[in-house]
Every structure is written in structure tokens, then in C-alpha cells.
Protein backbone atom coordinates (compact mmCIF):
# COMPACT_ATOMS: atom_id res chain seq x y z
CA UNK A 1 206.13 215.65 63.77
CA UNK A 2 204.18 213.18 65.78
CA UNK A 3 205.49 210.10 67.92
CA UNK A 4 204.59 207.70 64.94
CA UNK A 5 206.87 209.51 62.50
CA UNK A 6 209.65 209.78 64.92
CA UNK A 7 209.33 205.97 65.69
CA UNK A 8 209.31 205.26 62.07
CA UNK A 9 212.41 207.35 61.49
CA UNK A 10 214.37 205.71 64.33
CA UNK A 11 213.74 202.32 63.05
CA UNK A 12 214.44 203.08 59.50
CA UNK A 13 217.18 200.61 58.57
CA UNK A 14 218.56 202.99 55.76
CA UNK A 15 219.31 205.49 58.33
CA UNK A 16 221.18 203.25 60.38
CA UNK A 17 223.26 201.91 57.56
CA UNK A 18 224.19 205.49 56.67
CA UNK A 19 225.26 206.31 60.26
CA UNK A 20 227.54 203.32 60.13
CA UNK A 21 228.98 204.48 56.69
CA UNK A 22 229.42 208.03 58.25
CA UNK A 23 231.38 206.55 61.21
CA UNK A 24 233.69 204.74 58.88
CA UNK A 25 234.17 207.83 56.71
CA UNK A 26 234.81 209.87 59.73
CA UNK A 27 237.60 207.65 60.55
CA UNK A 28 238.88 207.64 56.95
CA UNK A 29 238.75 211.44 57.17
CA UNK A 30 240.90 211.59 60.22
CA UNK A 31 243.56 209.35 58.52
CA UNK A 32 243.35 211.57 55.37
CA UNK A 33 244.04 214.71 57.56
CA UNK A 34 246.97 213.02 59.18
CA UNK A 35 248.35 212.16 55.79
CA UNK A 36 247.81 215.76 54.51
CA UNK A 37 249.54 217.02 57.59
CA UNK A 38 252.61 214.96 56.79
CA UNK A 39 252.36 216.04 53.18
CA UNK A 40 252.35 219.71 54.35
CA UNK A 41 255.46 219.22 56.57
CA UNK A 42 257.43 217.31 53.59
CA UNK A 43 256.28 220.07 51.02
CA UNK A 44 257.44 222.86 53.27
CA UNK A 45 260.85 221.28 53.79
CA UNK A 46 261.26 220.74 50.14
CA UNK A 47 260.25 224.33 49.24
CA UNK A 48 262.58 225.65 51.81
CA UNK A 49 265.61 223.42 50.41
CA UNK A 50 264.95 223.75 46.84
CA UNK A 51 263.21 227.08 46.50
CA UNK A 52 260.06 225.49 44.88
CA UNK A 53 257.32 223.08 46.03
CA UNK A 54 257.34 219.62 44.58
CA UNK A 55 254.60 219.30 41.70
CA UNK A 56 253.93 215.70 42.58
CA UNK A 57 253.26 216.60 46.13
CA UNK A 58 250.92 219.52 44.97
CA UNK A 59 248.90 217.02 42.98
CA UNK A 60 248.63 214.48 45.70
CA UNK A 61 247.63 217.28 48.23
CA UNK A 62 244.95 218.43 45.76
CA UNK A 63 243.64 214.88 45.24
CA UNK A 64 243.48 214.15 48.92
CA UNK A 65 241.96 217.55 49.54
CA UNK A 66 239.11 216.70 46.91
CA UNK A 67 238.66 213.24 48.49
CA UNK A 68 238.34 214.87 52.07
CA UNK A 69 235.86 217.33 50.65
CA UNK A 70 233.70 214.43 49.27
CA UNK A 71 233.82 212.76 52.66
CA UNK A 72 232.71 215.99 54.28
CA UNK A 73 229.71 216.49 51.75
CA UNK A 74 228.63 212.92 52.73
CA UNK A 75 228.95 213.53 56.45
CA UNK A 76 226.84 216.59 56.43
CA UNK A 77 224.21 215.12 54.38
CA UNK A 78 224.91 217.26 51.35
CA UNK A 79 225.08 214.21 49.17
CA UNK A 80 223.90 210.55 49.33
CA UNK A 81 226.78 209.45 47.11
CA UNK A 82 229.33 207.59 49.08
CA UNK A 83 233.01 208.54 48.70
CA UNK A 84 235.88 206.31 47.45
CA UNK A 85 235.85 203.16 47.66
CA UNK A 86 232.17 203.19 46.79
CA UNK A 87 232.77 205.55 43.96
CA UNK A 88 235.68 206.72 41.88
CA UNK A 89 238.62 208.44 43.69
CA UNK A 90 238.68 212.21 42.60
CA UNK A 91 240.98 213.04 39.64
CA UNK A 92 243.07 216.09 38.83
CA UNK A 93 242.03 217.62 35.48
CA UNK A 94 245.66 218.81 35.06
CA UNK A 95 244.56 222.12 36.10
CA UNK A 96 247.19 222.58 38.75
CA UNK A 97 249.39 225.25 37.37
CA UNK A 98 253.30 225.48 38.03
CA UNK A 99 254.05 226.80 41.31
CA UNK A 100 255.61 230.08 40.16
CA UNK A 101 254.61 232.90 42.53
CA UNK A 102 253.88 230.63 45.47
CA UNK A 103 257.08 231.48 47.39
CA UNK A 104 257.59 235.22 47.86
CA UNK A 105 260.29 236.86 46.02
CA UNK A 106 261.92 240.19 46.91
CA UNK A 107 261.00 242.25 43.91
CA UNK A 108 258.11 244.62 44.72
CA UNK A 109 256.41 245.06 41.48
CA UNK A 110 252.62 245.97 41.56
CA UNK A 111 251.90 244.60 38.14
CA UNK A 112 251.08 241.26 39.73
CA UNK A 113 249.19 239.03 37.28
CA UNK A 114 246.36 237.20 38.91
CA UNK A 115 247.65 233.88 37.51
CA UNK A 116 250.89 234.44 39.12
CA UNK A 117 249.46 234.10 42.68
CA UNK A 118 247.19 231.23 42.10
CA UNK A 119 248.42 227.67 42.25
CA UNK A 120 245.07 225.97 41.41
CA UNK A 121 242.59 227.15 38.93
CA UNK A 122 239.50 226.29 41.36
CA UNK A 123 236.76 227.58 39.03
CA UNK A 124 237.73 225.05 36.29
CA UNK A 125 237.88 222.17 38.65
CA UNK A 126 235.05 219.94 39.71
CA UNK A 127 236.05 217.25 42.20
CA UNK A 128 233.23 214.94 41.27
CA UNK A 129 233.37 213.32 37.77
């Protein structure tokens, strides 16, 4: 790479616009992480009190996790597609299964069904439309 290419790259307005978007999405990611941390605390308290996690909080956590994934993909140049609000917010395909088997129980049966230990069917979900 010669000096002319470097100069052209440094003066490319599209690159600088992307850098500004990246700064904004990095700040958004920070807020999403703070929100997810709060969600984890609330979900833990609910699970301890009621014996099972709240399904709505599971869905919210999944959606915000998908959104955070989209932000990270943009920040590390894996995609040029800007996350929400410049595209649609990720949606849950209703693949979040009931939370059975999430909280450990006392019976020690070795016949665990694989579906029992999974809360999310990650293979069937695509965070991007």
C-alpha cells in the first residue's frame, strides 16, 4: 500500500461516517449491556422466588441479546448493515421454549433429554430477517 492509497483512504468520507456510526452504536451497546445486567438481576430474583424464570423476561433478554449481536457485527466490520433504528429490530421467532430444566432439580436421572437442558433452539433462530 503506497502513500497515495493511504491518503485516499484517510480522506474517504464514507469511512468517517461509518466511524461516527460505530461510536454511536458502541454507546448504544453499553446501554444495552446495562439493561441486560438489570434484566439478569430481576430474572434471578424471580427465579429464586417463584422457582422458574419469567417467560417475558426470557424473550426480552433474547431480543436484546440479538440486538447486541447485530451491533457487534457492525462494529467489527462483519456487516455494513446498520442495526436498529436503521433496520428492523430483531424479532423472536417464538423458538424460546418453556424454561423446564433451567433450574436444577434434585432427582439424578441420567436419562436427560437434550431438549430439557436447552432454553433456546439456537440452530433454528436467525437474528437477522
